[in-house]
Amino acid sequence: MKRLKGILSRTWITKFLKNLLLIDQETLKAIGEDMRAIGKTAIGVGLVALIVSGDTISNGEALLVFVAGLVVWFYGILITRTSNA
């Protein structure tokens, strides 16, 4: 068991997770703003795809992109709010 803990403590995944928990507020705010921008773009793409129905993207796929954009945009708002608190 000690050997497994020693291996896990030296892996890049563990180091990444430890550094992820140490993100400062400015970085978190920038991530939130980027997520909001990505979400707005996905929402726009989904709306355009719903309106301009063609054979390259179905209405189900357009709706999926739209909903995914809403989710990413909402998480960006939550992250920005958390960084401002």
PDB file of N, CA and C in Angstrom:
ATOM      1  N   MET A   1       0.820  -1.191   0.000  1.00  0.00           N
ATOM      2  CA  MET A   1       0.000   0.000   0.000  1.00  0.00           C
ATOM      3  C   MET A   1       0.869   1.261   0.000  1.00  0.00           C
ATOM      4  N   LYS A   2       1.966   1.232   0.743  1.00  0.00           N
ATOM      5  CA  LYS A   2       2.860   2.388   0.779  1.00  0.00           C
ATOM      6  C   LYS A   2       3.484   2.636  -0.581  1.00  0.00           C
ATOM      7  N   ARG A   3       3.787   1.537  -1.280  1.00  0.00           N
ATOM      8  CA  ARG A   3       4.393   1.682  -2.597  1.00  0.00           C
ATOM      9  C   ARG A   3       3.415   2.343  -3.569  1.00  0.00           C
ATOM     10  N   LEU A   4       2.132   1.973  -3.492  1.00  0.00           N
ATOM     11  CA  LEU A   4       1.116   2.565  -4.354  1.00  0.00           C
ATOM     12  C   LEU A   4       0.947   4.048  -4.062  1.00  0.00           C
ATOM     13  N   LYS A   5       0.955   4.418  -2.786  1.00  0.00           N
ATOM     14  CA  LYS A   5       0.865   5.830  -2.431  1.00  0.00           C
ATOM     15  C   LYS A   5       2.074   6.598  -2.945  1.00  0.00           C
ATOM     16  N   GLY A   6       3.253   5.984  -2.898  1.00  0.00           N
ATOM     17  CA  GLY A   6       4.456   6.625  -3.403  1.00  0.00           C
ATOM     18  C   GLY A   6       4.408   6.833  -4.903  1.00  0.00           C
ATOM     19  N   ILE A   7       3.874   5.859  -5.608  1.00  0.00           N
ATOM     20  CA  ILE A   7       3.750   5.987  -7.065  1.00  0.00           C
ATOM     21  C   ILE A   7       2.736   7.059  -7.412  1.00  0.00           C
ATOM     22  N   LEU A   8       1.597   7.049  -6.719  1.00  0.00           N
ATOM     23  CA  LEU A   8       0.553   8.030  -7.012  1.00  0.00           C
ATOM     24  C   LEU A   8       0.989   9.448  -6.678  1.00  0.00           C
ATOM     25  N   SER A   9       1.816   9.614  -5.674  1.00  0.00           N
ATOM     26  CA  SER A   9       2.231  10.959  -5.303  1.00  0.00           C
ATOM     27  C   SER A   9       3.203  11.556  -6.317  1.00  0.00           C
ATOM     28  N   ARG A  10       3.808  10.716  -7.135  1.00  0.00           N
ATOM     29  CA  ARG A  10       4.774  11.211  -8.108  1.00  0.00           C
ATOM     30  C   ARG A  10       4.222  11.295  -9.523  1.00  0.00           C
ATOM     31  N   THR A  11       2.993  10.894  -9.736  1.00  0.00           N
ATOM     32  CA  THR A  11       2.461  10.910 -11.095  1.00  0.00           C
ATOM     33  C   THR A  11       2.084  12.316 -11.510  1.00  0.00           C
ATOM     34  N   TRP A  12       2.024  12.531 -12.808  1.00  0.00           N
ATOM     35  CA  TRP A  12       1.681  13.846 -13.342  1.00  0.00           C
ATOM     36  C   TRP A  12       0.223  14.174 -13.076  1.00  0.00           C
ATOM     37  N   ILE A  13      -0.622  13.156 -12.959  1.00  0.00           N
ATOM     38  CA  ILE A  13      -2.039  13.420 -12.679  1.00  0.00           C
ATOM     39  C   ILE A  13      -2.197  14.030 -11.296  1.00  0.00           C
ATOM     40  N   THR A  14      -1.500  13.486 -10.333  1.00  0.00           N
ATOM     41  CA  THR A  14      -1.585  14.019  -8.978  1.00  0.00           C
ATOM     42  C   THR A  14      -1.045  15.436  -8.914  1.00  0.00           C
ATOM     43  N   LYS A  15       0.075  15.683  -9.592  1.00  0.00           N
ATOM     44  CA  LYS A  15       0.625  17.036  -9.613  1.00  0.00           C
ATOM     45  C   LYS A  15      -0.334  18.009 -10.286  1.00  0.00           C
ATOM     46  N   PHE A  16      -0.975  17.555 -11.382  1.00  0.00           N
ATOM     47  CA  PHE A  16      -1.929  18.407 -12.083  1.00  0.00           C
ATOM     48  C   PHE A  16      -3.116  18.754 -11.187  1.00  0.00           C
ATOM     49  N   LEU A  17      -3.637  17.757 -10.485  1.00  0.00           N
ATOM     50  CA  LEU A  17      -4.785  18.007  -9.613  1.00  0.00           C
ATOM     51  C   LEU A  17      -4.424  18.923  -8.443  1.00  0.00           C
ATOM     52  N   LYS A  18      -3.225  18.771  -7.909  1.00  0.00           N
ATOM     53  CA  LYS A  18      -2.793  19.661  -6.827  1.00  0.00           C
ATOM     54  C   LYS A  18      -2.669  21.096  -7.332  1.00  0.00           C
ATOM     55  N   ASN A  19      -2.111  21.278  -8.525  1.00  0.00           N
ATOM     56  CA  ASN A  19      -1.980  22.626  -9.093  1.00  0.00           C
ATOM     57  C   ASN A  19      -3.332  23.196  -9.485  1.00  0.00           C
ATOM     58  N   LEU A  20      -4.262  22.346  -9.858  1.00  0.00           N
ATOM     59  CA  LEU A  20      -5.589  22.805 -10.224  1.00  0.00           C
ATOM     60  C   LEU A  20      -6.307  23.417  -9.029  1.00  0.00           C
ATOM     61  N   LEU A  21      -6.054  22.891  -7.869  1.00  0.00           N
ATOM     62  CA  LEU A  21      -6.679  23.417  -6.661  1.00  0.00           C
ATOM     63  C   LEU A  21      -6.046  24.724  -6.202  1.00  0.00           C
ATOM     64  N   LEU A  22      -4.888  25.071  -6.740  1.00  0.00           N
ATOM     65  CA  LEU A  22      -4.164  26.270  -6.330  1.00  0.00           C
ATOM     66  C   LEU A  22      -4.329  27.429  -7.316  1.00  0.00           C
ATOM     67  N   ILE A  23      -5.373  27.385  -8.143  1.00  0.00           N
ATOM     68  CA  ILE A  23      -5.586  28.446  -9.129  1.00  0.00           C
ATOM     69  C   ILE A  23      -5.996  29.722  -8.404  1.00  0.00           C
ATOM     70  N   ASP A  24      -5.350  30.834  -8.762  1.00  0.00           N
ATOM     71  CA  ASP A  24      -5.697  32.101  -8.129  1.00  0.00           C
ATOM     72  C   ASP A  24      -6.951  32.691  -8.776  1.00  0.00           C
ATOM     73  N   GLN A  25      -7.460  33.756  -8.179  1.00  0.00           N
ATOM     74  CA  GLN A  25      -8.735  34.326  -8.612  1.00  0.00           C
ATOM     75  C   GLN A  25      -8.656  34.946 -10.007  1.00  0.00           C
ATOM     76  N   GLU A  26      -7.534  35.546 -10.347  1.00  0.00           N
ATOM     77  CA  GLU A  26      -7.401  36.166 -11.667  1.00  0.00           C
ATOM     78  C   GLU A  26      -7.459  35.113 -12.778  1.00  0.00           C
ATOM     79  N   THR A  27      -6.772  33.996 -12.564  1.00  0.00           N
ATOM     80  CA  THR A  27      -6.794  32.917 -13.544  1.00  0.00           C
ATOM     81  C   THR A  27      -8.180  32.321 -13.650  1.00  0.00           C
ATOM     82  N   LEU A  28      -8.834  32.140 -12.518  1.00  0.00           N
ATOM     83  CA  LEU A  28     -10.189  31.596 -12.509  1.00  0.00           C
ATOM     84  C   LEU A  28     -11.161  32.527 -13.224  1.00  0.00           C
ATOM     85  N   LYS A  29     -10.976  33.823 -13.044  1.00  0.00           N
ATOM     86  CA  LYS A  29     -11.826  34.794 -13.738  1.00  0.00           C
ATOM     87  C   LYS A  29     -11.604  34.733 -15.246  1.00  0.00           C
ATOM     88  N   ALA A  30     -10.353  34.607 -15.672  1.00  0.00           N
ATOM     89  CA  ALA A  30     -10.046  34.513 -17.103  1.00  0.00           C
ATOM     90  C   ALA A  30     -10.642  33.240 -17.705  1.00  0.00           C
ATOM     91  N   ILE A  31     -10.565  32.140 -16.972  1.00  0.00           N
ATOM     92  CA  ILE A  31     -11.159  30.883 -17.444  1.00  0.00           C
ATOM     93  C   ILE A  31     -12.664  31.038 -17.579  1.00  0.00           C
ATOM     94  N   GLY A  32     -13.296  31.677 -16.599  1.00  0.00           N
ATOM     95  CA  GLY A  32     -14.740  31.904 -16.653  1.00  0.00           C
ATOM     96  C   GLY A  32     -15.140  32.763 -17.841  1.00  0.00           C
ATOM     97  N   GLU A  33     -14.367  33.810 -18.097  1.00  0.00           N
ATOM     98  CA  GLU A  33     -14.665  34.679 -19.240  1.00  0.00           C
ATOM     99  C   GLU A  33     -14.494  33.930 -20.560  1.00  0.00           C
ATOM    100  N   ASP A  34     -13.472  33.093 -20.653  1.00  0.00           N
ATOM    101  CA  ASP A  34     -13.269  32.303 -21.870  1.00  0.00           C
ATOM    102  C   ASP A  34     -14.397  31.297 -22.068  1.00  0.00           C
ATOM    103  N   MET A  35     -14.837  30.683 -20.985  1.00  0.00           N
ATOM    104  CA  MET A  35     -15.942  29.732 -21.088  1.00  0.00           C
ATOM    105  C   MET A  35     -17.224  30.429 -21.523  1.00  0.00           C
ATOM    106  N   ARG A  36     -17.437  31.632 -21.034  1.00  0.00           N
ATOM    107  CA  ARG A  36     -18.625  32.381 -21.465  1.00  0.00           C
ATOM    108  C   ARG A  36     -18.547  32.704 -22.952  1.00  0.00           C
ATOM    109  N   ALA A  37     -17.374  33.075 -23.437  1.00  0.00           N
ATOM    110  CA  ALA A  37     -17.204  33.382 -24.862  1.00  0.00           C
ATOM    111  C   ALA A  37     -17.407  32.133 -25.721  1.00  0.00           C
ATOM    112  N   ILE A  38     -16.873  31.010 -25.283  1.00  0.00           N
ATOM    113  CA  ILE A  38     -17.060  29.755 -26.016  1.00  0.00           C
ATOM    114  C   ILE A  38     -18.538  29.377 -26.027  1.00  0.00           C
ATOM    115  N   GLY A  39     -19.203  29.560 -24.889  1.00  0.00           N
ATOM    116  CA  GLY A  39     -20.624  29.253 -24.808  1.00  0.00           C
ATOM    117  C   GLY A  39     -21.456  30.129 -25.724  1.00  0.00           C
ATOM    118  N   LYS A  40     -21.138  31.435 -25.756  1.00  0.00           N
ATOM    119  CA  LYS A  40     -21.882  32.335 -26.650  1.00  0.00           C
ATOM    120  C   LYS A  40     -21.691  31.947 -28.105  1.00  0.00           C
ATOM    121  N   THR A  41     -20.485  31.567 -28.464  1.00  0.00           N
ATOM    122  CA  THR A  41     -20.226  31.146 -29.841  1.00  0.00           C
ATOM    123  C   THR A  41     -21.008  29.884 -30.183  1.00  0.00           C
ATOM    124  N   ALA A  42     -21.017  28.913 -29.265  1.00  0.00           N
ATOM    125  CA  ALA A  42     -21.749  27.670 -29.508  1.00  0.00           C
ATOM    126  C   ALA A  42     -23.253  27.925 -29.591  1.00  0.00           C
ATOM    127  N   ILE A  43     -23.759  28.833 -28.767  1.00  0.00           N
ATOM    128  CA  ILE A  43     -25.176  29.183 -28.835  1.00  0.00           C
ATOM    129  C   ILE A  43     -25.496  29.784 -30.197  1.00  0.00           C
ATOM    130  N   GLY A  44     -24.654  30.683 -30.661  1.00  0.00           N
ATOM    131  CA  GLY A  44     -24.860  31.299 -31.972  1.00  0.00           C
ATOM    132  C   GLY A  44     -24.810  30.291 -33.103  1.00  0.00           C
ATOM    133  N   VAL A  45     -23.845  29.378 -33.045  1.00  0.00           N
ATOM    134  CA  VAL A  45     -23.724  28.353 -34.078  1.00  0.00           C
ATOM    135  C   VAL A  45     -24.953  27.451 -34.064  1.00  0.00           C
ATOM    136  N   GLY A  46     -25.418  27.093 -32.874  1.00  0.00           N
ATOM    137  CA  GLY A  46     -26.606  26.255 -32.766  1.00  0.00           C
ATOM    138  C   GLY A  46     -27.843  26.936 -33.311  1.00  0.00           C
ATOM    139  N   LEU A  47     -27.984  28.229 -33.020  1.00  0.00           N
ATOM    140  CA  LEU A  47     -29.144  28.969 -33.543  1.00  0.00           C
ATOM    141  C   LEU A  47     -29.101  29.075 -35.056  1.00  0.00           C
ATOM    142  N   VAL A  48     -27.952  29.399 -35.598  1.00  0.00           N
ATOM    143  CA  VAL A  48     -27.821  29.503 -37.054  1.00  0.00           C
ATOM    144  C   VAL A  48     -28.106  28.153 -37.702  1.00  0.00           C
ATOM    145  N   ALA A  49     -27.604  27.078 -37.104  1.00  0.00           N
ATOM    146  CA  ALA A  49     -27.832  25.748 -37.667  1.00  0.00           C
ATOM    147  C   ALA A  49     -29.305  25.360 -37.588  1.00  0.00           C
ATOM    148  N   LEU A  50     -29.997  25.805 -36.542  1.00  0.00           N
ATOM    149  CA  LEU A  50     -31.434  25.523 -36.455  1.00  0.00           C
ATOM    150  C   LEU A  50     -32.220  26.302 -37.507  1.00  0.00           C
ATOM    151  N   ILE A  51     -31.826  27.537 -37.732  1.00  0.00           N
ATOM    152  CA  ILE A  51     -32.554  28.387 -38.683  1.00  0.00           C
ATOM    153  C   ILE A  51     -32.252  27.979 -40.120  1.00  0.00           C
ATOM    154  N   VAL A  52     -30.987  27.787 -40.420  1.00  0.00           N
ATOM    155  CA  VAL A  52     -30.574  27.422 -41.776  1.00  0.00           C
ATOM    156  C   VAL A  52     -30.446  25.903 -41.819  1.00  0.00           C
ATOM    157  N   SER A  53     -31.546  25.241 -42.009  1.00  0.00           N
ATOM    158  CA  SER A  53     -31.500  23.776 -42.022  1.00  0.00           C
ATOM    159  C   SER A  53     -31.004  23.297 -43.378  1.00  0.00           C
ATOM    160  N   GLY A  54     -30.019  22.462 -43.343  1.00  0.00           N
ATOM    161  CA  GLY A  54     -29.432  21.929 -44.572  1.00  0.00           C
ATOM    162  C   GLY A  54     -29.135  20.460 -44.382  1.00  0.00           C
ATOM    163  N   ASP A  55     -28.395  19.912 -45.312  1.00  0.00           N
ATOM    164  CA  ASP A  55     -28.095  18.488 -45.216  1.00  0.00           C
ATOM    165  C   ASP A  55     -26.782  18.214 -44.490  1.00  0.00           C
ATOM    166  N   THR A  56     -26.061  19.250 -44.081  1.00  0.00           N
ATOM    167  CA  THR A  56     -24.775  19.028 -43.418  1.00  0.00           C
ATOM    168  C   THR A  56     -24.928  18.842 -41.910  1.00  0.00           C
ATOM    169  N   ILE A  57     -25.943  19.430 -41.317  1.00  0.00           N
ATOM    170  CA  ILE A  57     -26.172  19.285 -39.882  1.00  0.00           C
ATOM    171  C   ILE A  57     -27.673  19.126 -39.657  1.00  0.00           C
ATOM    172  N   SER A  58     -28.040  18.151 -38.840  1.00  0.00           N
ATOM    173  CA  SER A  58     -29.454  17.908 -38.586  1.00  0.00           C
ATOM    174  C   SER A  58     -29.950  18.830 -37.477  1.00  0.00           C
ATOM    175  N   ASN A  59     -31.260  18.884 -37.322  1.00  0.00           N
ATOM    176  CA  ASN A  59     -31.831  19.716 -36.267  1.00  0.00           C
ATOM    177  C   ASN A  59     -31.453  19.197 -34.880  1.00  0.00           C
ATOM    178  N   GLY A  60     -31.324  17.886 -34.741  1.00  0.00           N
ATOM    179  CA  GLY A  60     -30.907  17.315 -33.455  1.00  0.00           C
ATOM    180  C   GLY A  60     -29.491  17.721 -33.076  1.00  0.00           C
ATOM    181  N   GLU A  61     -28.602  17.708 -34.058  1.00  0.00           N
ATOM    182  CA  GLU A  61     -27.225  18.126 -33.813  1.00  0.00           C
ATOM    183  C   GLU A  61     -27.152  19.613 -33.490  1.00  0.00           C
ATOM    184  N   ALA A  62     -27.954  20.403 -34.213  1.00  0.00           N
ATOM    185  CA  ALA A  62     -27.975  21.847 -33.948  1.00  0.00           C
ATOM    186  C   ALA A  62     -28.491  22.123 -32.544  1.00  0.00           C
ATOM    187  N   LEU A  63     -29.505  21.389 -32.133  1.00  0.00           N
ATOM    188  CA  LEU A  63     -30.048  21.558 -30.788  1.00  0.00           C
ATOM    189  C   LEU A  63     -29.028  21.135 -29.731  1.00  0.00           C
ATOM    190  N   LEU A  64     -28.288  20.084 -30.023  1.00  0.00           N
ATOM    191  CA  LEU A  64     -27.247  19.621 -29.098  1.00  0.00           C
ATOM    192  C   LEU A  64     -26.155  20.679 -28.930  1.00  0.00           C
ATOM    193  N   VAL A  65     -25.732  21.296 -30.026  1.00  0.00           N
ATOM    194  CA  VAL A  65     -24.716  22.355 -29.953  1.00  0.00           C
ATOM    195  C   VAL A  65     -25.261  23.545 -29.168  1.00  0.00           C
ATOM    196  N   PHE A  66     -26.516  23.886 -29.396  1.00  0.00           N
ATOM    197  CA  PHE A  66     -27.152  25.001 -28.686  1.00  0.00           C
ATOM    198  C   PHE A  66     -27.203  24.739 -27.181  1.00  0.00           C
ATOM    199  N   VAL A  67     -27.653  23.550 -26.792  1.00  0.00           N
ATOM    200  CA  VAL A  67     -27.757  23.214 -25.363  1.00  0.00           C
ATOM    201  C   VAL A  67     -26.371  23.127 -24.728  1.00  0.00           C
ATOM    202  N   ALA A  68     -25.401  22.562 -25.438  1.00  0.00           N
ATOM    203  CA  ALA A  68     -24.034  22.505 -24.905  1.00  0.00           C
ATOM    204  C   ALA A  68     -23.480  23.916 -24.715  1.00  0.00           C
ATOM    205  N   GLY A  69     -23.793  24.813 -25.626  1.00  0.00           N
ATOM    206  CA  GLY A  69     -23.372  26.206 -25.476  1.00  0.00           C
ATOM    207  C   GLY A  69     -23.994  26.855 -24.258  1.00  0.00           C
ATOM    208  N   LEU A  70     -25.273  26.557 -24.019  1.00  0.00           N
ATOM    209  CA  LEU A  70     -25.927  27.093 -22.817  1.00  0.00           C
ATOM    210  C   LEU A  70     -25.261  26.583 -21.538  1.00  0.00           C
ATOM    211  N   VAL A  71     -24.926  25.302 -21.531  1.00  0.00           N
ATOM    212  CA  VAL A  71     -24.286  24.720 -20.340  1.00  0.00           C
ATOM    213  C   VAL A  71     -22.918  25.340 -20.099  1.00  0.00           C
ATOM    214  N   VAL A  72     -22.102  25.454 -21.151  1.00  0.00           N
ATOM    215  CA  VAL A  72     -20.764  26.035 -21.009  1.00  0.00           C
ATOM    216  C   VAL A  72     -20.869  27.499 -20.586  1.00  0.00           C
ATOM    217  N   TRP A  73     -21.797  28.236 -21.180  1.00  0.00           N
ATOM    218  CA  TRP A  73     -21.995  29.644 -20.830  1.00  0.00           C
ATOM    219  C   TRP A  73     -22.406  29.774 -19.364  1.00  0.00           C
ATOM    220  N   PHE A  74     -23.310  28.897 -18.909  1.00  0.00           N
ATOM    221  CA  PHE A  74     -23.761  28.944 -17.520  1.00  0.00           C
ATOM    222  C   PHE A  74     -22.616  28.629 -16.560  1.00  0.00           C
ATOM    223  N   TYR A  75     -21.810  27.615 -16.881  1.00  0.00           N
ATOM    224  CA  TYR A  75     -20.660  27.301 -16.028  1.00  0.00           C
ATOM    225  C   TYR A  75     -19.649  28.445 -16.023  1.00  0.00           C
ATOM    226  N   GLY A  76     -19.495  29.117 -17.130  1.00  0.00           N
ATOM    227  CA  GLY A  76     -18.606  30.291 -17.172  1.00  0.00           C
ATOM    228  C   GLY A  76     -19.095  31.380 -16.250  1.00  0.00           C
ATOM    229  N   ILE A  77     -20.409  31.578 -16.196  1.00  0.00           N
ATOM    230  CA  ILE A  77     -20.973  32.563 -15.268  1.00  0.00           C
ATOM    231  C   ILE A  77     -20.724  32.150 -13.832  1.00  0.00           C
ATOM    232  N   LEU A  78     -20.909  30.868 -13.530  1.00  0.00           N
ATOM    233  CA  LEU A  78     -20.666  30.397 -12.157  1.00  0.00           C
ATOM    234  C   LEU A  78     -19.207  30.543 -11.753  1.00  0.00           C
ATOM    235  N   ILE A  79     -18.293  30.237 -12.665  1.00  0.00           N
ATOM    236  CA  ILE A  79     -16.867  30.358 -12.354  1.00  0.00           C
ATOM    237  C   ILE A  79     -16.488  31.818 -12.153  1.00  0.00           C
ATOM    238  N   THR A  80     -17.010  32.685 -13.004  1.00  0.00           N
ATOM    239  CA  THR A  80     -16.732  34.125 -12.840  1.00  0.00           C
ATOM    240  C   THR A  80     -17.291  34.638 -11.527  1.00  0.00           C
ATOM    241  N   ARG A  81     -18.481  34.203 -11.177  1.00  0.00           N
ATOM    242  CA  ARG A  81     -19.085  34.621  -9.895  1.00  0.00           C
ATOM    243  C   ARG A  81     -18.259  34.113  -8.717  1.00  0.00           C
ATOM    244  N   THR A  82     -17.775  32.882  -8.819  1.00  0.00           N
ATOM    245  CA  THR A  82     -16.946  32.315  -7.747  1.00  0.00           C
ATOM    246  C   THR A  82     -15.642  33.092  -7.607  1.00  0.00           C
ATOM    247  N   SER A  83     -15.055  33.486  -8.733  1.00  0.00           N
ATOM    248  CA  SER A  83     -13.783  34.198  -8.661  1.00  0.00           C
ATOM    249  C   SER A  83     -13.967  35.609  -8.107  1.00  0.00           C
ATOM    250  N   ASN A  84     -15.141  36.193  -8.287  1.00  0.00           N
ATOM    251  CA  ASN A  84     -15.395  37.533  -7.776  1.00  0.00           C
ATOM    252  C   ASN A  84     -15.787  37.539  -6.304  1.00  0.00           C
ATOM    253  N   ALA A  85     -16.163  36.389  -5.775  1.00  0.00           N
ATOM    254  CA  ALA A  85     -16.611  36.324  -4.374  1.00  0.00           C
ATOM    255  C   ALA A  85     -15.456  36.375  -3.397  1.00  0.00           C
TER     256      ALA A  85
END
